């Protein structure tokens, strides 16, 4: 049985990591006691980006009213029980490097220490469910086209849209032969 996350509180878990008494205090906006921010320092005042990442990850998987629930919790994606505690999530993932976001290596797998990493937007785009799994080729919703791209030594040498996926894949492969 889970317990309240407040230091030295041994009551049964009720909601948001708290026993009923601490949850009611939190809900009413009152001091909760030795609140989590005093333990890890990420929730006091303005929310820290890694704390916000943790909250949003849990909302996508656990809250049926969340806009993205159908793509996460609705598909059976869960957050491991260990990560119900922010301090343990932080311990497993470490500080979020600047410019990176939380990504699941296996897009159909749960949020677990073995399946998560900090990734660039490019890595995330290559790991999308609607991607064809050919590196450098993905569907662009905004352009309504298949995009083929290739970067060599930090220079973009191919960035072109195609109406047919096969043509985008061929363009990417030809560019690889030419530039790599």
C-alpha atoms as a PDB file:
ATOM      1  CA  UNK A   1       0.000   0.000   0.000  1.00  0.00           C
ATOM      2  CA  UNK A   2       1.377   3.428  -0.933  1.00  0.00           C
ATOM      3  CA  UNK A   3       1.932   6.018   1.753  1.00  0.00           C
ATOM      4  CA  UNK A   4       1.729   9.790   1.837  1.00  0.00           C
ATOM      5  CA  UNK A   5       4.845  11.431   0.388  1.00  0.00           C
ATOM      6  CA  UNK A   6       5.141  13.993   3.187  1.00  0.00           C
ATOM      7  CA  UNK A   7       8.186  13.363   5.384  1.00  0.00           C
ATOM      8  CA  UNK A   8       7.364  11.396   8.543  1.00  0.00           C
ATOM      9  CA  UNK A   9       3.688  10.926   7.548  1.00  0.00           C
ATOM     10  CA  UNK A  10       2.668   7.276   7.626  1.00  0.00           C
ATOM     11  CA  UNK A  11      -0.943   7.649   6.479  1.00  0.00           C
ATOM     12  CA  UNK A  12      -2.327   5.813   3.441  1.00  0.00           C
ATOM     13  CA  UNK A  13      -2.061   7.494   0.022  1.00  0.00           C
ATOM     14  CA  UNK A  14      -5.224   9.355  -1.007  1.00  0.00           C
ATOM     15  CA  UNK A  15      -4.381  11.532  -4.029  1.00  0.00           C
ATOM     16  CA  UNK A  16      -1.520  13.445  -5.691  1.00  0.00           C
ATOM     17  CA  UNK A  17       0.921  11.600  -3.456  1.00  0.00           C
ATOM     18  CA  UNK A  18      -0.713  12.759  -0.195  1.00  0.00           C
ATOM     19  CA  UNK A  19      -2.854  11.249   2.545  1.00  0.00           C
ATOM     20  CA  UNK A  20      -6.376  12.679   2.837  1.00  0.00           C
ATOM     21  CA  UNK A  21      -5.363  15.403   5.333  1.00  0.00           C
ATOM     22  CA  UNK A  22      -2.388  16.640   3.292  1.00  0.00           C
ATOM     23  CA  UNK A  23      -4.368  16.389   0.051  1.00  0.00           C
ATOM     24  CA  UNK A  24      -7.157  18.576   1.508  1.00  0.00           C
ATOM     25  CA  UNK A  25      -4.592  21.147   2.624  1.00  0.00           C
ATOM     26  CA  UNK A  26      -2.993  21.152  -0.826  1.00  0.00           C
ATOM     27  CA  UNK A  27      -6.379  21.399  -2.582  1.00  0.00           C
ATOM     28  CA  UNK A  28      -7.369  24.418  -0.464  1.00  0.00           C
ATOM     29  CA  UNK A  29      -4.067  26.117  -1.243  1.00  0.00           C
ATOM     30  CA  UNK A  30      -2.791  25.872   2.305  1.00  0.00           C
ATOM     31  CA  UNK A  31       0.603  24.778   3.547  1.00  0.00           C
ATOM     32  CA  UNK A  32       0.854  21.009   3.333  1.00  0.00           C
ATOM     33  CA  UNK A  33       3.580  20.603   5.922  1.00  0.00           C
ATOM     34  CA  UNK A  34       7.060  19.595   4.769  1.00  0.00           C
ATOM     35  CA  UNK A  35       5.853  19.879   1.175  1.00  0.00           C
ATOM     36  CA  UNK A  36       7.751  18.188  -1.675  1.00  0.00           C
ATOM     37  CA  UNK A  37       9.400  21.439  -2.754  1.00  0.00           C
ATOM     38  CA  UNK A  38      11.310  21.438   0.512  1.00  0.00           C
ATOM     39  CA  UNK A  39      12.776  18.043  -0.372  1.00  0.00           C
ATOM     40  CA  UNK A  40      13.781  18.468  -3.990  1.00  0.00           C
ATOM     41  CA  UNK A  41      13.464  22.231  -4.565  1.00  0.00           C
ATOM     42  CA  UNK A  42      11.719  22.033  -7.943  1.00  0.00           C
ATOM     43  CA  UNK A  43       8.150  23.059  -7.097  1.00  0.00           C
ATOM     44  CA  UNK A  44       8.529  26.179  -4.954  1.00  0.00           C
ATOM     45  CA  UNK A  45       7.347  29.366  -6.661  1.00  0.00           C
ATOM     46  CA  UNK A  46       7.599  29.087 -10.439  1.00  0.00           C
ATOM     47  CA  UNK A  47       7.538  25.477 -11.595  1.00  0.00           C
ATOM     48  CA  UNK A  48      10.878  24.125 -12.820  1.00  0.00           C
ATOM     49  CA  UNK A  49      10.848  22.777 -16.432  1.00  0.00           C
ATOM     50  CA  UNK A  50      11.715  19.206 -15.369  1.00  0.00           C
ATOM     51  CA  UNK A  51       8.903  19.241 -12.790  1.00  0.00           C
ATOM     52  CA  UNK A  52       6.491  20.484 -15.473  1.00  0.00           C
ATOM     53  CA  UNK A  53       7.681  17.683 -17.785  1.00  0.00           C
ATOM     54  CA  UNK A  54       6.950  15.133 -15.053  1.00  0.00           C
ATOM     55  CA  UNK A  55       3.467  16.549 -14.367  1.00  0.00           C
ATOM     56  CA  UNK A  56       2.555  16.650 -18.080  1.00  0.00           C
ATOM     57  CA  UNK A  57       3.824  13.094 -18.640  1.00  0.00           C
ATOM     58  CA  UNK A  58       1.573  11.864 -15.828  1.00  0.00           C
ATOM     59  CA  UNK A  59      -1.410  13.902 -17.064  1.00  0.00           C
ATOM     60  CA  UNK A  60      -1.179  12.476 -20.602  1.00  0.00           C
ATOM     61  CA  UNK A  61      -1.261   8.938 -19.221  1.00  0.00           C
ATOM     62  CA  UNK A  62      -3.600   9.239 -16.227  1.00  0.00           C
ATOM     63  CA  UNK A  63      -6.149  11.984 -16.917  1.00  0.00           C
ATOM     64  CA  UNK A  64      -8.924  10.993 -19.381  1.00  0.00           C
ATOM     65  CA  UNK A  65      -9.825  14.701 -19.714  1.00  0.00           C
ATOM     66  CA  UNK A  66      -6.337  15.637 -20.958  1.00  0.00           C
ATOM     67  CA  UNK A  67      -6.296  16.594 -24.646  1.00  0.00           C
ATOM     68  CA  UNK A  68      -3.575  14.024 -25.467  1.00  0.00           C
ATOM     69  CA  UNK A  69      -4.949  11.177 -23.322  1.00  0.00           C
ATOM     70  CA  UNK A  70      -6.216   9.232 -26.352  1.00  0.00           C
ATOM     71  CA  UNK A  71      -2.648   9.058 -27.728  1.00  0.00           C
ATOM     72  CA  UNK A  72      -1.124   7.982 -24.400  1.00  0.00           C
ATOM     73  CA  UNK A  73      -3.273   6.597 -21.563  1.00  0.00           C
ATOM     74  CA  UNK A  74      -6.034   5.723 -24.016  1.00  0.00           C
ATOM     75  CA  UNK A  75      -3.568   3.486 -25.917  1.00  0.00           C
ATOM     76  CA  UNK A  76      -2.468   1.805 -22.700  1.00  0.00           C
ATOM     77  CA  UNK A  77       0.717   3.841 -22.191  1.00  0.00           C
ATOM     78  CA  UNK A  78       1.439   4.028 -18.457  1.00  0.00           C
ATOM     79  CA  UNK A  79       3.950   5.705 -16.158  1.00  0.00           C
ATOM     80  CA  UNK A  80       5.860   3.186 -14.044  1.00  0.00           C
ATOM     81  CA  UNK A  81       4.893   3.147 -10.354  1.00  0.00           C
ATOM     82  CA  UNK A  82       8.383   4.303  -9.362  1.00  0.00           C
ATOM     83  CA  UNK A  83       7.813   7.571 -11.215  1.00  0.00           C
ATOM     84  CA  UNK A  84       4.721   8.418  -9.185  1.00  0.00           C
ATOM     85  CA  UNK A  85       7.348  10.072  -6.997  1.00  0.00           C
ATOM     86  CA  UNK A  86       8.997  13.109  -8.628  1.00  0.00           C
ATOM     87  CA  UNK A  87      12.256  12.681  -6.685  1.00  0.00           C
ATOM     88  CA  UNK A  88      12.682   9.158  -8.100  1.00  0.00           C
ATOM     89  CA  UNK A  89      11.902  10.377 -11.640  1.00  0.00           C
ATOM     90  CA  UNK A  90      14.573  13.052 -11.200  1.00  0.00           C
ATOM     91  CA  UNK A  91      17.023  10.490  -9.824  1.00  0.00           C
ATOM     92  CA  UNK A  92      16.496   8.179 -12.828  1.00  0.00           C
ATOM     93  CA  UNK A  93      16.446  10.790 -15.611  1.00  0.00           C
ATOM     94  CA  UNK A  94      18.707  13.477 -14.172  1.00  0.00           C
ATOM     95  CA  UNK A  95      18.440  17.158 -15.019  1.00  0.00           C
ATOM     96  CA  UNK A  96      16.846  17.921 -18.358  1.00  0.00           C
ATOM     97  CA  UNK A  97      19.569  19.137 -20.741  1.00  0.00           C
ATOM     98  CA  UNK A  98      18.794  22.450 -22.413  1.00  0.00           C
ATOM     99  CA  UNK A  99      16.947  22.044 -25.705  1.00  0.00           C
ATOM    100  CA  UNK A 100      15.936  18.422 -25.072  1.00  0.00           C
ATOM    101  CA  UNK A 101      12.583  16.890 -24.169  1.00  0.00           C
ATOM    102  CA  UNK A 102      11.403  13.596 -22.702  1.00  0.00           C
ATOM    103  CA  UNK A 103      11.091  10.831 -25.304  1.00  0.00           C
ATOM    104  CA  UNK A 104      10.145   7.149 -25.205  1.00  0.00           C
ATOM    105  CA  UNK A 105      12.542   5.026 -27.260  1.00  0.00           C
ATOM    106  CA  UNK A 106       9.773   2.515 -27.990  1.00  0.00           C
ATOM    107  CA  UNK A 107       6.775   4.629 -28.940  1.00  0.00           C
ATOM    108  CA  UNK A 108       4.386   1.861 -27.865  1.00  0.00           C
ATOM    109  CA  UNK A 109       6.146   1.269 -24.530  1.00  0.00           C
ATOM    110  CA  UNK A 110       5.465   2.767 -21.117  1.00  0.00           C
ATOM    111  CA  UNK A 111       7.296   5.630 -19.434  1.00  0.00           C
ATOM    112  CA  UNK A 112      10.015   3.667 -17.612  1.00  0.00           C
ATOM    113  CA  UNK A 113      13.702   4.363 -16.891  1.00  0.00           C
ATOM    114  CA  UNK A 114      14.761   1.829 -19.551  1.00  0.00           C
ATOM    115  CA  UNK A 115      12.471   3.260 -22.243  1.00  0.00           C
ATOM    116  CA  UNK A 116      12.979   7.006 -21.735  1.00  0.00           C
ATOM    117  CA  UNK A 117      15.685   9.463 -22.751  1.00  0.00           C
ATOM    118  CA  UNK A 118      16.215  13.183 -23.293  1.00  0.00           C
ATOM    119  CA  UNK A 119      15.959  13.764 -27.051  1.00  0.00           C
ATOM    120  CA  UNK A 120      16.146  16.561 -29.607  1.00  0.00           C
ATOM    121  CA  UNK A 121      13.127  17.582 -31.675  1.00  0.00           C
ATOM    122  CA  UNK A 122      14.741  15.814 -34.639  1.00  0.00           C
ATOM    123  CA  UNK A 123      15.074  12.557 -32.687  1.00  0.00           C
ATOM    124  CA  UNK A 124      11.468  12.896 -31.524  1.00  0.00           C
ATOM    125  CA  UNK A 125      10.234  13.455 -35.075  1.00  0.00           C
ATOM    126  CA  UNK A 126      12.021  10.309 -36.240  1.00  0.00           C
ATOM    127  CA  UNK A 127      10.352   8.368 -33.405  1.00  0.00           C
ATOM    128  CA  UNK A 128       6.745   9.388 -34.161  1.00  0.00           C
ATOM    129  CA  UNK A 129       3.992   6.811 -34.478  1.00  0.00           C
ATOM    130  CA  UNK A 130       3.055   8.126 -37.937  1.00  0.00           C
ATOM    131  CA  UNK A 131       6.634   7.967 -39.178  1.00  0.00           C
ATOM    132  CA  UNK A 132       7.572   5.381 -41.769  1.00  0.00           C
ATOM    133  CA  UNK A 133      10.776   4.478 -39.840  1.00  0.00           C
ATOM    134  CA  UNK A 134      13.082   5.572 -42.671  1.00  0.00           C
ATOM    135  CA  UNK A 135      15.552   7.991 -41.099  1.00  0.00           C
ATOM    136  CA  UNK A 136      15.217  11.460 -42.578  1.00  0.00           C
ATOM    137  CA  UNK A 137      11.737  10.874 -44.052  1.00  0.00           C
ATOM    138  CA  UNK A 138       8.572  11.879 -42.203  1.00  0.00           C
ATOM    139  CA  UNK A 139       5.072  13.177 -42.782  1.00  0.00           C
ATOM    140  CA  UNK A 140       4.642  16.925 -42.267  1.00  0.00           C
ATOM    141  CA  UNK A 141       1.134  17.837 -41.144  1.00  0.00           C
ATOM    142  CA  UNK A 142       1.724  21.546 -41.675  1.00  0.00           C
ATOM    143  CA  UNK A 143       2.896  21.038 -45.273  1.00  0.00           C
ATOM    144  CA  UNK A 144       0.674  18.031 -45.948  1.00  0.00           C
ATOM    145  CA  UNK A 145       3.614  16.305 -47.649  1.00  0.00           C
ATOM    146  CA  UNK A 146       6.286  13.676 -47.050  1.00  0.00           C
ATOM    147  CA  UNK A 147       9.516  15.465 -46.177  1.00  0.00           C
ATOM    148  CA  UNK A 148      12.977  14.118 -46.998  1.00  0.00           C
ATOM    149  CA  UNK A 149      15.906  15.727 -45.228  1.00  0.00           C
ATOM    150  CA  UNK A 150      19.621  15.127 -44.779  1.00  0.00           C
ATOM    151  CA  UNK A 151      22.167  17.080 -42.772  1.00  0.00           C
ATOM    152  CA  UNK A 152      25.892  16.559 -43.350  1.00  0.00           C
ATOM    153  CA  UNK A 153      28.453  18.203 -41.060  1.00  0.00           C
ATOM    154  CA  UNK A 154      25.778  20.538 -39.686  1.00  0.00           C
ATOM    155  CA  UNK A 155      24.706  21.674 -43.164  1.00  0.00           C
ATOM    156  CA  UNK A 156      21.248  20.883 -44.534  1.00  0.00           C
ATOM    157  CA  UNK A 157      21.826  19.328 -47.963  1.00  0.00           C
ATOM    158  CA  UNK A 158      18.324  17.987 -48.574  1.00  0.00           C
ATOM    159  CA  UNK A 159      14.987  19.363 -47.371  1.00  0.00           C
ATOM    160  CA  UNK A 160      12.284  18.654 -49.910  1.00  0.00           C
ATOM    161  CA  UNK A 161       8.598  17.737 -49.842  1.00  0.00           C
ATOM    162  CA  UNK A 162       6.912  14.950 -51.833  1.00  0.00           C
ATOM    163  CA  UNK A 163       3.300  13.944 -52.271  1.00  0.00           C
ATOM    164  CA  UNK A 164       4.249  10.238 -52.398  1.00  0.00           C
ATOM    165  CA  UNK A 165       6.182   8.557 -49.586  1.00  0.00           C
ATOM    166  CA  UNK A 166       8.170   6.348 -51.962  1.00  0.00           C
ATOM    167  CA  UNK A 167       9.574   9.409 -53.777  1.00  0.00           C
ATOM    168  CA  UNK A 168      10.703  10.949 -50.486  1.00  0.00           C
ATOM    169  CA  UNK A 169      12.469   7.720 -49.502  1.00  0.00           C
ATOM    170  CA  UNK A 170      14.228   7.532 -52.885  1.00  0.00           C
ATOM    171  CA  UNK A 171      15.332  11.182 -52.673  1.00  0.00           C
ATOM    172  CA  UNK A 172      16.759  10.584 -49.194  1.00  0.00           C
ATOM    173  CA  UNK A 173      18.655   7.465 -50.349  1.00  0.00           C
ATOM    174  CA  UNK A 174      20.080   9.251 -53.410  1.00  0.00           C
ATOM    175  CA  UNK A 175      21.224  12.156 -51.238  1.00  0.00           C
ATOM    176  CA  UNK A 176      22.914   9.712 -48.861  1.00  0.00           C
ATOM    177  CA  UNK A 177      24.813   8.134 -51.772  1.00  0.00           C
ATOM    178  CA  UNK A 178      25.844  11.545 -53.070  1.00  0.00           C
ATOM    179  CA  UNK A 179      26.863  13.243 -49.798  1.00  0.00           C
ATOM    180  CA  UNK A 180      27.886  10.451 -47.435  1.00  0.00           C
END
